[in-house]
Amino acid sequence: MNARRELPPCPCKNCGKLFVPRSKFNLFCSSRCCTAWWKRQAMLKPSRPKKQARPRAPVQQRQAKATSPRPCKNCGKLFIPKNKQNCFCSSHCSREWKVKQLRLKYQPKVFPPTTCKNCGQLFVPKSKQNCFCCRHCNRAWQRKQLRLRHKQEKKAVATQLPKMEPIKPIPLRPCHDCGKPTTQFRCPECWAKLREEHAEYFI
C-alpha cells in the first residue's frame, strides 16, 4: 500500500501557528481554533433588520369596537363582548347552544306519510327511499315486476322470430293396386292383403 503523502506545514487560519495538515482541506490547528474563528465570523456578520409592526388603532377606537353591545346567540340577551369572536353572554349559554346543535344533528327525521306502492295503504316512511309499508309488500311487488318482465321478454322474442310458412298438405295419389286415393304407394287395405299373401317373408 502507498504511504500517506505528507503535506508541507501551513499557518492556522485563526492563530497563525504553523502545523502539518492532515489534508488539503484542514485549515485550523485544532478544534478550538475552528470554533473561535466561526464565532468571530458570526459576530462580524451584520444582523437582519427587524420587521416593523403594523400600526394599531388608538385605544379608544379599540375599546369602542369591543364594547358595542350585541345579542347572545343562545338566549338573545344583549351583552358587551370581550372580543369580536365572542357570541355568547356566558359559558352556560355556549354549552347549551352546543348541546342543542348536537341534538338537532342526531335527531331522527320525520317524513310525511305516503301510500304503499303495493297495497296502497298509508304509512310513515323511515327514509326517502322507503316505498312499502312492510317487507311482504316489497317481495310481492318484486314478484309482480318479474312476471311483467318475463311477459315482455317473451313478446319481444316472439316478434323477433321469423314467421314460419304453413305446412303444405301431402297430395293424394291413386293406389297402385285398387286405384283408391291415398298418400302412399298403396292404400292400407292393399298393404294388409300383400302381407297375408307373402306372410312367409315377414316371419
N, C-alpha and C. Protein backbone atom coordinates (compact mmCIF):
# COMPACT_ATOMS: atom_id res chain seq x y z
N MET A 1 0.82 -1.19 0.00
CA MET A 1 0.00 0.00 0.00
C MET A 1 0.86 1.25 0.00
N ASN A 2 0.36 2.26 -0.65
CA ASN A 2 1.10 3.52 -0.72
C ASN A 2 0.99 4.26 0.61
N ALA A 3 2.11 4.79 1.09
CA ALA A 3 2.11 5.58 2.32
C ALA A 3 1.45 6.93 2.09
N ARG A 4 0.85 7.48 3.18
CA ARG A 4 0.18 8.76 3.05
C ARG A 4 1.20 9.85 2.78
N ARG A 5 0.92 10.68 1.81
CA ARG A 5 1.87 11.73 1.44
C ARG A 5 1.76 12.87 2.44
N GLU A 6 2.89 13.30 3.00
CA GLU A 6 2.90 14.38 3.98
C GLU A 6 2.84 15.72 3.26
N LEU A 7 1.99 16.61 3.76
CA LEU A 7 1.83 17.93 3.19
C LEU A 7 2.78 18.91 3.88
N PRO A 8 3.13 19.96 3.22
CA PRO A 8 4.02 20.95 3.86
C PRO A 8 3.27 21.70 4.95
N PRO A 9 4.00 22.18 6.00
CA PRO A 9 3.34 22.92 7.07
C PRO A 9 2.76 24.24 6.57
N CYS A 10 1.61 24.62 7.16
CA CYS A 10 0.92 25.86 6.77
C CYS A 10 0.42 26.56 8.02
N PRO A 11 0.20 27.88 7.97
CA PRO A 11 -0.25 28.61 9.16
C PRO A 11 -1.74 28.37 9.43
N CYS A 12 -2.10 28.38 10.72
CA CYS A 12 -3.50 28.23 11.14
C CYS A 12 -4.28 29.49 10.75
N LYS A 13 -5.52 29.32 10.35
CA LYS A 13 -6.34 30.44 9.89
C LYS A 13 -6.77 31.34 11.05
N ASN A 14 -6.72 30.80 12.30
CA ASN A 14 -7.17 31.58 13.45
C ASN A 14 -6.00 32.20 14.21
N CYS A 15 -5.05 31.36 14.63
CA CYS A 15 -3.94 31.86 15.46
C CYS A 15 -2.66 32.11 14.68
N GLY A 16 -2.51 31.62 13.47
CA GLY A 16 -1.31 31.82 12.66
C GLY A 16 -0.18 30.87 12.98
N LYS A 17 -0.39 29.88 13.85
CA LYS A 17 0.65 28.93 14.23
C LYS A 17 0.85 27.91 13.11
N LEU A 18 2.14 27.55 12.85
CA LEU A 18 2.44 26.55 11.82
C LEU A 18 2.09 25.16 12.33
N PHE A 19 1.47 24.35 11.45
CA PHE A 19 1.12 22.96 11.77
C PHE A 19 1.10 22.15 10.49
N VAL A 20 1.22 20.86 10.64
CA VAL A 20 1.21 19.96 9.48
C VAL A 20 -0.24 19.49 9.28
N PRO A 21 -0.91 19.87 8.19
CA PRO A 21 -2.32 19.46 7.98
C PRO A 21 -2.44 18.01 7.56
N ARG A 22 -3.51 17.41 7.93
CA ARG A 22 -3.77 16.02 7.55
C ARG A 22 -4.27 15.91 6.11
N SER A 23 -4.96 16.96 5.61
CA SER A 23 -5.43 17.00 4.22
C SER A 23 -5.38 18.45 3.76
N LYS A 24 -5.65 18.63 2.48
CA LYS A 24 -5.59 19.99 1.93
C LYS A 24 -6.77 20.85 2.39
N PHE A 25 -7.81 20.22 2.97
CA PHE A 25 -8.96 20.97 3.46
C PHE A 25 -8.81 21.38 4.93
N ASN A 26 -7.78 20.91 5.60
CA ASN A 26 -7.56 21.23 7.01
C ASN A 26 -6.94 22.62 7.11
N LEU A 27 -7.66 23.60 7.69
CA LEU A 27 -7.22 25.00 7.75
C LEU A 27 -6.93 25.45 9.17
N PHE A 28 -7.24 24.63 10.20
CA PHE A 28 -7.04 25.03 11.59
C PHE A 28 -6.17 24.00 12.28
N CYS A 29 -5.41 24.50 13.28
CA CYS A 29 -4.51 23.59 14.01
C CYS A 29 -5.25 22.73 15.01
N SER A 30 -6.41 23.20 15.50
CA SER A 30 -7.19 22.44 16.47
C SER A 30 -8.67 22.80 16.32
N SER A 31 -9.48 22.04 17.05
CA SER A 31 -10.92 22.30 17.01
C SER A 31 -11.28 23.60 17.73
N ARG A 32 -10.50 23.99 18.74
CA ARG A 32 -10.73 25.25 19.45
C ARG A 32 -10.58 26.44 18.50
N CYS A 33 -9.52 26.41 17.69
CA CYS A 33 -9.31 27.50 16.73
C CYS A 33 -10.44 27.56 15.71
N CYS A 34 -10.95 26.39 15.32
CA CYS A 34 -12.05 26.33 14.34
C CYS A 34 -13.30 26.99 14.90
N THR A 35 -13.69 26.62 16.16
CA THR A 35 -14.91 27.20 16.75
C THR A 35 -14.73 28.69 17.02
N ALA A 36 -13.55 29.09 17.46
CA ALA A 36 -13.31 30.51 17.73
C ALA A 36 -13.41 31.34 16.45
N TRP A 37 -12.91 30.80 15.36
CA TRP A 37 -12.95 31.56 14.09
C TRP A 37 -14.38 31.72 13.60
N TRP A 38 -15.18 30.65 13.70
CA TRP A 38 -16.57 30.72 13.23
C TRP A 38 -17.43 31.62 14.13
N LYS A 39 -17.14 31.66 15.44
CA LYS A 39 -17.85 32.59 16.32
C LYS A 39 -17.56 34.03 15.95
N ARG A 40 -16.28 34.30 15.68
CA ARG A 40 -15.91 35.66 15.29
C ARG A 40 -16.59 36.07 14.00
N GLN A 41 -16.70 35.14 13.04
CA GLN A 41 -17.37 35.46 11.78
C GLN A 41 -18.86 35.74 11.99
N ALA A 42 -19.47 34.98 12.92
CA ALA A 42 -20.90 35.21 13.20
C ALA A 42 -21.13 36.57 13.85
N MET A 43 -20.18 37.00 14.72
CA MET A 43 -20.32 38.31 15.35
C MET A 43 -20.10 39.45 14.37
N LEU A 44 -19.21 39.25 13.40
CA LEU A 44 -18.95 40.30 12.41
C LEU A 44 -20.05 40.41 11.36
N LYS A 45 -20.87 39.34 11.22
CA LYS A 45 -21.92 39.34 10.20
C LYS A 45 -23.01 40.34 10.59
N PRO A 46 -23.47 41.20 9.67
CA PRO A 46 -24.49 42.19 10.03
C PRO A 46 -25.83 41.52 10.31
N SER A 47 -26.52 41.99 11.33
CA SER A 47 -27.82 41.42 11.71
C SER A 47 -28.92 41.93 10.77
N ARG A 48 -29.94 41.11 10.60
CA ARG A 48 -31.05 41.47 9.72
C ARG A 48 -31.93 42.53 10.38
N PRO A 49 -32.45 43.46 9.58
CA PRO A 49 -33.33 44.48 10.18
C PRO A 49 -34.65 43.86 10.62
N LYS A 50 -35.13 44.29 11.78
CA LYS A 50 -36.38 43.76 12.31
C LYS A 50 -37.56 44.32 11.53
N LYS A 51 -38.59 43.48 11.40
CA LYS A 51 -39.79 43.90 10.70
C LYS A 51 -40.57 44.90 11.55
N GLN A 52 -41.04 45.92 10.89
CA GLN A 52 -41.81 46.94 11.61
C GLN A 52 -43.23 46.41 11.88
N ALA A 53 -43.68 46.63 13.08
CA ALA A 53 -45.02 46.19 13.47
C ALA A 53 -46.08 47.05 12.81
N ARG A 54 -47.22 46.43 12.52
CA ARG A 54 -48.32 47.17 11.90
C ARG A 54 -48.88 48.19 12.88
N PRO A 55 -49.19 49.39 12.38
CA PRO A 55 -49.73 50.41 13.29
C PRO A 55 -51.11 50.01 13.80
N ARG A 56 -51.27 50.05 15.10
CA ARG A 56 -52.55 49.67 15.71
C ARG A 56 -53.43 50.90 15.86
N ALA A 57 -54.72 50.65 15.93
CA ALA A 57 -55.68 51.73 16.11
C ALA A 57 -55.56 52.28 17.53
N PRO A 58 -55.99 53.51 17.74
CA PRO A 58 -55.94 54.07 19.10
C PRO A 58 -56.77 53.22 20.07
N VAL A 59 -56.44 53.41 21.35
CA VAL A 59 -57.08 52.60 22.40
C VAL A 59 -58.58 52.87 22.47
N GLN A 60 -58.98 54.12 22.26
CA GLN A 60 -60.40 54.47 22.34
C GLN A 60 -61.21 53.77 21.25
N GLN A 61 -60.63 53.70 20.01
CA GLN A 61 -61.35 53.02 18.92
C GLN A 61 -61.48 51.52 19.20
N ARG A 62 -60.40 50.94 19.71
CA ARG A 62 -60.46 49.51 20.01
C ARG A 62 -61.49 49.21 21.10
N GLN A 63 -61.53 50.03 22.11
CA GLN A 63 -62.50 49.84 23.18
C GLN A 63 -63.93 50.05 22.69
N ALA A 64 -64.11 51.03 21.77
CA ALA A 64 -65.45 51.29 21.24
C ALA A 64 -65.95 50.10 20.42
N LYS A 65 -65.03 49.48 19.62
CA LYS A 65 -65.43 48.32 18.83
C LYS A 65 -65.74 47.13 19.72
N ALA A 66 -64.94 46.96 20.77
CA ALA A 66 -65.12 45.80 21.63
C ALA A 66 -66.33 45.96 22.54
N THR A 67 -66.65 47.18 22.93
CA THR A 67 -67.73 47.39 23.89
C THR A 67 -69.09 47.61 23.23
N SER A 68 -69.22 47.51 21.89
CA SER A 68 -70.52 47.67 21.25
C SER A 68 -71.40 46.46 21.59
N PRO A 69 -72.57 46.64 22.15
CA PRO A 69 -73.40 45.50 22.59
C PRO A 69 -73.94 44.71 21.41
N ARG A 70 -74.11 43.41 21.64
CA ARG A 70 -74.67 42.51 20.62
C ARG A 70 -75.54 41.47 21.30
N PRO A 71 -76.51 40.88 20.58
CA PRO A 71 -77.39 39.87 21.20
C PRO A 71 -76.68 38.52 21.33
N CYS A 72 -77.02 37.81 22.38
CA CYS A 72 -76.46 36.47 22.60
C CYS A 72 -77.04 35.50 21.58
N LYS A 73 -76.21 34.57 21.12
CA LYS A 73 -76.64 33.62 20.09
C LYS A 73 -77.60 32.58 20.63
N ASN A 74 -77.63 32.39 21.95
CA ASN A 74 -78.48 31.36 22.54
C ASN A 74 -79.76 31.95 23.13
N CYS A 75 -79.61 32.95 24.02
CA CYS A 75 -80.79 33.50 24.71
C CYS A 75 -81.28 34.81 24.13
N GLY A 76 -80.49 35.47 23.28
CA GLY A 76 -80.91 36.72 22.68
C GLY A 76 -80.72 37.94 23.56
N LYS A 77 -80.10 37.77 24.73
CA LYS A 77 -79.88 38.89 25.64
C LYS A 77 -78.72 39.74 25.16
N LEU A 78 -78.84 41.09 25.28
CA LEU A 78 -77.77 41.99 24.87
C LEU A 78 -76.64 41.95 25.91
N PHE A 79 -75.41 41.88 25.41
CA PHE A 79 -74.24 41.86 26.29
C PHE A 79 -73.08 42.55 25.58
N ILE A 80 -72.07 42.94 26.35
CA ILE A 80 -70.87 43.61 25.81
C ILE A 80 -69.79 42.55 25.62
N PRO A 81 -69.42 42.21 24.39
CA PRO A 81 -68.41 41.15 24.16
C PRO A 81 -67.00 41.64 24.48
N LYS A 82 -66.15 40.68 24.85
CA LYS A 82 -64.76 41.00 25.13
C LYS A 82 -63.91 41.05 23.86
N ASN A 83 -64.34 40.32 22.81
CA ASN A 83 -63.62 40.34 21.53
C ASN A 83 -64.63 40.13 20.41
N LYS A 84 -64.13 40.13 19.17
CA LYS A 84 -65.02 40.02 18.02
C LYS A 84 -65.64 38.63 17.90
N GLN A 85 -64.92 37.59 18.36
CA GLN A 85 -65.42 36.22 18.21
C GLN A 85 -66.41 35.81 19.29
N ASN A 86 -66.59 36.64 20.33
CA ASN A 86 -67.49 36.29 21.44
C ASN A 86 -68.94 36.47 20.99
N CYS A 87 -69.72 35.37 20.98
CA CYS A 87 -71.13 35.40 20.53
C CYS A 87 -72.10 35.03 21.64
N PHE A 88 -71.58 34.66 22.84
CA PHE A 88 -72.46 34.22 23.93
C PHE A 88 -72.20 35.10 25.15
N CYS A 89 -73.28 35.30 25.91
CA CYS A 89 -73.16 36.16 27.09
C CYS A 89 -72.45 35.45 28.24
N SER A 90 -72.47 34.10 28.25
CA SER A 90 -71.81 33.35 29.33
C SER A 90 -71.41 31.97 28.81
N SER A 91 -70.59 31.28 29.60
CA SER A 91 -70.17 29.92 29.23
C SER A 91 -71.35 28.95 29.27
N HIS A 92 -72.31 29.20 30.16
CA HIS A 92 -73.50 28.35 30.24
C HIS A 92 -74.28 28.40 28.92
N CYS A 93 -74.47 29.60 28.35
CA CYS A 93 -75.17 29.74 27.06
C CYS A 93 -74.40 29.05 25.94
N SER A 94 -73.08 29.13 25.99
CA SER A 94 -72.26 28.49 24.96
C SER A 94 -72.44 26.98 24.98
N ARG A 95 -72.38 26.35 26.18
CA ARG A 95 -72.57 24.91 26.30
C ARG A 95 -73.98 24.49 25.89
N GLU A 96 -74.97 25.28 26.32
CA GLU A 96 -76.36 24.95 25.98
C GLU A 96 -76.60 25.00 24.47
N TRP A 97 -76.01 25.99 23.80
CA TRP A 97 -76.16 26.09 22.34
C TRP A 97 -75.50 24.92 21.62
N LYS A 98 -74.35 24.46 22.10
CA LYS A 98 -73.66 23.31 21.51
C LYS A 98 -74.48 22.04 21.68
N VAL A 99 -75.10 21.87 22.85
CA VAL A 99 -75.95 20.69 23.10
C VAL A 99 -77.15 20.69 22.16
N LYS A 100 -77.75 21.88 21.96
CA LYS A 100 -78.89 21.97 21.04
C LYS A 100 -78.51 21.59 19.62
N GLN A 101 -77.34 22.05 19.18
CA GLN A 101 -76.89 21.73 17.82
C GLN A 101 -76.64 20.23 17.65
N LEU A 102 -76.08 19.60 18.68
CA LEU A 102 -75.85 18.15 18.61
C LEU A 102 -77.16 17.38 18.57
N ARG A 103 -78.15 17.83 19.35
CA ARG A 103 -79.45 17.15 19.34
C ARG A 103 -80.14 17.28 17.98
N LEU A 104 -80.04 18.48 17.38
CA LEU A 104 -80.62 18.66 16.05
C LEU A 104 -79.92 17.81 15.00
N LYS A 105 -78.61 17.65 15.17
CA LYS A 105 -77.83 16.88 14.18
C LYS A 105 -78.20 15.40 14.21
N TYR A 106 -78.35 14.84 15.43
CA TYR A 106 -78.59 13.39 15.57
C TYR A 106 -80.06 13.05 15.81
N GLN A 107 -80.97 14.02 15.67
CA GLN A 107 -82.40 13.73 15.85
C GLN A 107 -82.95 13.03 14.61
N PRO A 108 -83.72 11.96 14.76
CA PRO A 108 -84.25 11.27 13.57
C PRO A 108 -85.25 12.15 12.82
N LYS A 109 -85.12 12.14 11.51
CA LYS A 109 -86.00 12.96 10.68
C LYS A 109 -87.38 12.31 10.55
N VAL A 110 -88.43 13.15 10.52
CA VAL A 110 -89.81 12.68 10.38
C VAL A 110 -90.27 13.02 8.96
N PHE A 111 -90.63 11.99 8.20
CA PHE A 111 -91.06 12.18 6.82
C PHE A 111 -92.60 12.15 6.75
N PRO A 112 -93.19 12.83 5.78
CA PRO A 112 -94.66 12.84 5.68
C PRO A 112 -95.18 11.47 5.27
N PRO A 113 -96.43 11.12 5.66
CA PRO A 113 -96.98 9.80 5.31
C PRO A 113 -97.20 9.66 3.81
N THR A 114 -96.91 8.47 3.30
CA THR A 114 -97.06 8.17 1.88
C THR A 114 -97.84 6.87 1.72
N THR A 115 -98.27 6.60 0.50
CA THR A 115 -99.03 5.38 0.21
C THR A 115 -98.08 4.27 -0.20
N CYS A 116 -98.42 3.05 0.20
CA CYS A 116 -97.61 1.89 -0.15
C CYS A 116 -97.71 1.62 -1.64
N LYS A 117 -96.61 1.24 -2.24
CA LYS A 117 -96.56 1.02 -3.69
C LYS A 117 -97.29 -0.25 -4.10
N ASN A 118 -97.49 -1.17 -3.14
CA ASN A 118 -98.12 -2.45 -3.48
C ASN A 118 -99.60 -2.49 -3.08
N CYS A 119 -99.89 -2.20 -1.79
CA CYS A 119 -101.27 -2.32 -1.31
C CYS A 119 -102.01 -0.98 -1.26
N GLY A 120 -101.31 0.17 -1.36
CA GLY A 120 -101.96 1.47 -1.35
C GLY A 120 -102.34 1.98 0.03
N GLN A 121 -101.82 1.35 1.10
CA GLN A 121 -102.14 1.78 2.46
C GLN A 121 -101.22 2.92 2.89
N LEU A 122 -101.73 3.88 3.68
CA LEU A 122 -100.92 4.99 4.19
C LEU A 122 -100.01 4.51 5.30
N PHE A 123 -98.74 4.98 5.29
CA PHE A 123 -97.77 4.65 6.33
C PHE A 123 -96.73 5.76 6.41
N VAL A 124 -96.00 5.81 7.55
CA VAL A 124 -94.96 6.82 7.77
C VAL A 124 -93.61 6.19 7.42
N PRO A 125 -92.95 6.63 6.36
CA PRO A 125 -91.66 6.01 5.98
C PRO A 125 -90.52 6.43 6.91
N LYS A 126 -89.51 5.57 6.98
CA LYS A 126 -88.33 5.87 7.79
C LYS A 126 -87.25 6.59 7.01
N SER A 127 -87.34 6.56 5.66
CA SER A 127 -86.37 7.26 4.81
C SER A 127 -87.08 7.67 3.51
N LYS A 128 -86.37 8.44 2.70
CA LYS A 128 -86.94 8.91 1.44
C LYS A 128 -87.16 7.76 0.46
N GLN A 129 -86.30 6.74 0.50
CA GLN A 129 -86.38 5.63 -0.44
C GLN A 129 -87.41 4.57 -0.04
N ASN A 130 -87.99 4.68 1.16
CA ASN A 130 -88.94 3.67 1.63
C ASN A 130 -90.28 3.86 0.92
N CYS A 131 -90.70 2.87 0.12
CA CYS A 131 -91.95 2.95 -0.66
C CYS A 131 -92.96 1.88 -0.27
N PHE A 132 -92.62 0.98 0.67
CA PHE A 132 -93.51 -0.12 1.04
C PHE A 132 -93.74 -0.09 2.55
N CYS A 133 -94.95 -0.50 2.94
CA CYS A 133 -95.30 -0.48 4.37
C CYS A 133 -94.66 -1.63 5.13
N CYS A 134 -94.36 -2.74 4.46
CA CYS A 134 -93.72 -3.89 5.12
C CYS A 134 -92.91 -4.67 4.09
N ARG A 135 -92.15 -5.65 4.56
CA ARG A 135 -91.30 -6.43 3.65
C ARG A 135 -92.11 -7.38 2.77
N HIS A 136 -93.30 -7.80 3.26
CA HIS A 136 -94.14 -8.69 2.45
C HIS A 136 -94.63 -7.96 1.19
N CYS A 137 -95.02 -6.69 1.36
CA CYS A 137 -95.44 -5.90 0.19
C CYS A 137 -94.28 -5.70 -0.77
N ASN A 138 -93.10 -5.50 -0.23
CA ASN A 138 -91.91 -5.32 -1.08
C ASN A 138 -91.66 -6.56 -1.93
N ARG A 139 -91.72 -7.76 -1.30
CA ARG A 139 -91.49 -9.00 -2.04
C ARG A 139 -92.58 -9.25 -3.07
N ALA A 140 -93.86 -8.99 -2.69
CA ALA A 140 -94.98 -9.19 -3.63
C ALA A 140 -94.84 -8.28 -4.85
N TRP A 141 -94.44 -7.03 -4.62
CA TRP A 141 -94.27 -6.09 -5.74
C TRP A 141 -93.13 -6.54 -6.65
N GLN A 142 -92.04 -7.06 -6.07
CA GLN A 142 -90.92 -7.54 -6.87
C GLN A 142 -91.33 -8.74 -7.73
N ARG A 143 -92.17 -9.65 -7.16
CA ARG A 143 -92.65 -10.80 -7.94
C ARG A 143 -93.49 -10.34 -9.12
N LYS A 144 -94.37 -9.36 -8.88
CA LYS A 144 -95.20 -8.82 -9.98
C LYS A 144 -94.32 -8.23 -11.09
N GLN A 145 -93.30 -7.49 -10.68
CA GLN A 145 -92.42 -6.88 -11.67
C GLN A 145 -91.67 -7.95 -12.47
N LEU A 146 -91.27 -9.05 -11.79
CA LEU A 146 -90.59 -10.13 -12.51
C LEU A 146 -91.51 -10.79 -13.53
N ARG A 147 -92.79 -11.02 -13.15
CA ARG A 147 -93.74 -11.63 -14.09
C ARG A 147 -93.96 -10.73 -15.30
N LEU A 148 -94.15 -9.43 -15.05
CA LEU A 148 -94.33 -8.49 -16.17
C LEU A 148 -93.11 -8.47 -17.09
N ARG A 149 -91.92 -8.52 -16.47
CA ARG A 149 -90.70 -8.50 -17.26
C ARG A 149 -90.57 -9.75 -18.14
N HIS A 150 -90.94 -10.93 -17.56
CA HIS A 150 -90.89 -12.17 -18.35
C HIS A 150 -91.87 -12.13 -19.51
N LYS A 151 -93.06 -11.59 -19.26
CA LYS A 151 -94.05 -11.47 -20.35
C LYS A 151 -93.56 -10.56 -21.46
N GLN A 152 -92.96 -9.45 -21.08
CA GLN A 152 -92.43 -8.52 -22.08
C GLN A 152 -91.30 -9.15 -22.88
N GLU A 153 -90.44 -9.92 -22.20
CA GLU A 153 -89.34 -10.58 -22.90
C GLU A 153 -89.87 -11.62 -23.89
N LYS A 154 -90.91 -12.37 -23.47
CA LYS A 154 -91.49 -13.38 -24.37
C LYS A 154 -92.10 -12.72 -25.60
N LYS A 155 -92.80 -11.58 -25.39
CA LYS A 155 -93.38 -10.86 -26.52
C LYS A 155 -92.30 -10.35 -27.47
N ALA A 156 -91.22 -9.84 -26.89
CA ALA A 156 -90.13 -9.32 -27.71
C ALA A 156 -89.49 -10.44 -28.52
N VAL A 157 -89.31 -11.63 -27.89
CA VAL A 157 -88.72 -12.77 -28.62
C VAL A 157 -89.65 -13.25 -29.71
N ALA A 158 -90.97 -13.27 -29.43
CA ALA A 158 -91.94 -13.73 -30.43
C ALA A 158 -91.98 -12.79 -31.64
N THR A 159 -91.85 -11.49 -31.40
CA THR A 159 -91.86 -10.54 -32.53
C THR A 159 -90.58 -10.62 -33.35
N GLN A 160 -89.46 -11.00 -32.71
CA GLN A 160 -88.19 -11.08 -33.43
C GLN A 160 -88.05 -12.36 -34.25
N LEU A 161 -88.76 -13.45 -33.86
CA LEU A 161 -88.63 -14.71 -34.58
C LEU A 161 -89.24 -14.60 -35.99
N PRO A 162 -88.64 -15.25 -37.00
CA PRO A 162 -89.21 -15.20 -38.36
C PRO A 162 -90.50 -16.02 -38.45
N LYS A 163 -91.41 -15.58 -39.27
CA LYS A 163 -92.69 -16.27 -39.42
C LYS A 163 -92.50 -17.56 -40.22
N MET A 164 -93.04 -18.67 -39.67
CA MET A 164 -92.91 -19.98 -40.32
C MET A 164 -94.01 -20.11 -41.38
N GLU A 165 -93.61 -20.65 -42.54
CA GLU A 165 -94.58 -20.90 -43.61
C GLU A 165 -95.47 -22.08 -43.25
N PRO A 166 -96.74 -22.05 -43.59
CA PRO A 166 -97.64 -23.17 -43.27
C PRO A 166 -97.23 -24.44 -44.02
N ILE A 167 -97.39 -25.59 -43.35
CA ILE A 167 -97.01 -26.89 -43.95
C ILE A 167 -98.03 -27.26 -45.03
N LYS A 168 -97.52 -27.55 -46.19
CA LYS A 168 -98.40 -27.92 -47.30
C LYS A 168 -98.89 -29.35 -47.13
N PRO A 169 -100.17 -29.62 -47.38
CA PRO A 169 -100.67 -30.99 -47.25
C PRO A 169 -100.09 -31.90 -48.34
N ILE A 170 -99.93 -33.18 -47.99
CA ILE A 170 -99.37 -34.15 -48.95
C ILE A 170 -100.42 -34.44 -50.03
N PRO A 171 -100.06 -34.32 -51.28
CA PRO A 171 -101.07 -34.56 -52.35
C PRO A 171 -101.48 -36.04 -52.41
N LEU A 172 -102.76 -36.28 -52.73
CA LEU A 172 -103.27 -37.65 -52.86
C LEU A 172 -102.88 -38.23 -54.21
N ARG A 173 -102.69 -39.52 -54.19
CA ARG A 173 -102.35 -40.24 -55.43
C ARG A 173 -103.13 -41.55 -55.48
N PRO A 174 -103.41 -42.11 -56.65
CA PRO A 174 -104.17 -43.38 -56.72
C PRO A 174 -103.32 -44.55 -56.25
N CYS A 175 -103.99 -45.51 -55.58
CA CYS A 175 -103.31 -46.72 -55.10
C CYS A 175 -102.81 -47.55 -56.30
N HIS A 176 -101.69 -48.22 -56.14
CA HIS A 176 -101.08 -49.00 -57.24
C HIS A 176 -101.92 -50.22 -57.60
N ASP A 177 -102.67 -50.77 -56.61
CA ASP A 177 -103.42 -51.99 -56.86
C ASP A 177 -104.90 -51.72 -57.14
N CYS A 178 -105.58 -50.98 -56.23
CA CYS A 178 -107.03 -50.78 -56.37
C CYS A 178 -107.41 -49.42 -56.96
N GLY A 179 -106.54 -48.45 -56.97
CA GLY A 179 -106.83 -47.14 -57.54
C GLY A 179 -107.50 -46.16 -56.61
N LYS A 180 -107.68 -46.50 -55.31
CA LYS A 180 -108.26 -45.56 -54.36
C LYS A 180 -107.26 -44.41 -54.08
N PRO A 181 -107.80 -43.20 -53.78
CA PRO A 181 -106.87 -42.09 -53.47
C PRO A 181 -106.20 -42.30 -52.11
N THR A 182 -104.92 -42.19 -52.04
CA THR A 182 -104.14 -42.38 -50.82
C THR A 182 -102.86 -41.54 -50.91
N THR A 183 -102.21 -41.35 -49.76
CA THR A 183 -100.96 -40.56 -49.72
C THR A 183 -99.74 -41.43 -49.93
N GLN A 184 -99.89 -42.81 -49.87
CA GLN A 184 -98.77 -43.71 -50.03
C GLN A 184 -98.83 -44.42 -51.39
N PHE A 185 -97.89 -45.33 -51.56
CA PHE A 185 -97.86 -46.07 -52.82
C PHE A 185 -99.05 -47.01 -52.94
N ARG A 186 -99.46 -47.65 -51.83
CA ARG A 186 -100.65 -48.50 -51.76
C ARG A 186 -101.48 -48.04 -50.57
N CYS A 187 -102.76 -48.30 -50.64
CA CYS A 187 -103.64 -47.98 -49.51
C CYS A 187 -103.43 -49.01 -48.41
N PRO A 188 -103.85 -48.74 -47.17
CA PRO A 188 -103.62 -49.70 -46.07
C PRO A 188 -104.25 -51.07 -46.30
N GLU A 189 -105.40 -51.13 -46.96
CA GLU A 189 -106.06 -52.43 -47.23
C GLU A 189 -105.21 -53.27 -48.17
N CYS A 190 -104.68 -52.65 -49.22
CA CYS A 190 -103.83 -53.40 -50.16
C CYS A 190 -102.55 -53.86 -49.49
N TRP A 191 -101.98 -53.03 -48.55
CA TRP A 191 -100.78 -53.45 -47.82
C TRP A 191 -101.10 -54.66 -46.94
N ALA A 192 -102.31 -54.72 -46.35
CA ALA A 192 -102.69 -55.87 -45.50
C ALA A 192 -102.83 -57.15 -46.32
N LYS A 193 -103.47 -57.05 -47.50
CA LYS A 193 -103.61 -58.22 -48.38
C LYS A 193 -102.24 -58.73 -48.82
N LEU A 194 -101.33 -57.81 -49.14
CA LEU A 194 -100.00 -58.19 -49.60
C LEU A 194 -99.23 -58.91 -48.49
N ARG A 195 -99.40 -58.48 -47.23
CA ARG A 195 -98.71 -59.15 -46.12
C ARG A 195 -99.26 -60.57 -45.90
N GLU A 196 -100.61 -60.75 -46.09
CA GLU A 196 -101.21 -62.09 -45.92
C GLU A 196 -100.72 -63.05 -46.99
N GLU A 197 -100.60 -62.54 -48.22
CA GLU A 197 -100.17 -63.41 -49.32
C GLU A 197 -98.71 -63.82 -49.16
N HIS A 198 -97.91 -62.93 -48.74
CA HIS A 198 -96.47 -63.22 -48.57
C HIS A 198 -96.09 -63.20 -47.11
N ALA A 199 -96.85 -63.94 -46.30
CA ALA A 199 -96.60 -63.98 -44.86
C ALA A 199 -95.26 -64.64 -44.53
N GLU A 200 -94.82 -65.57 -45.39
CA GLU A 200 -93.59 -66.29 -45.10
C GLU A 200 -92.34 -65.38 -45.14
N TYR A 201 -92.44 -64.26 -45.88
CA TYR A 201 -91.29 -63.32 -45.94
C TYR A 201 -91.25 -62.36 -44.74
N PHE A 202 -92.36 -62.21 -43.99
CA PHE A 202 -92.41 -61.28 -42.88
C PHE A 202 -92.20 -61.95 -41.52
N ILE A 203 -91.92 -63.29 -41.56
CA ILE A 203 -91.71 -64.03 -40.30
C ILE A 203 -90.29 -63.68 -39.80
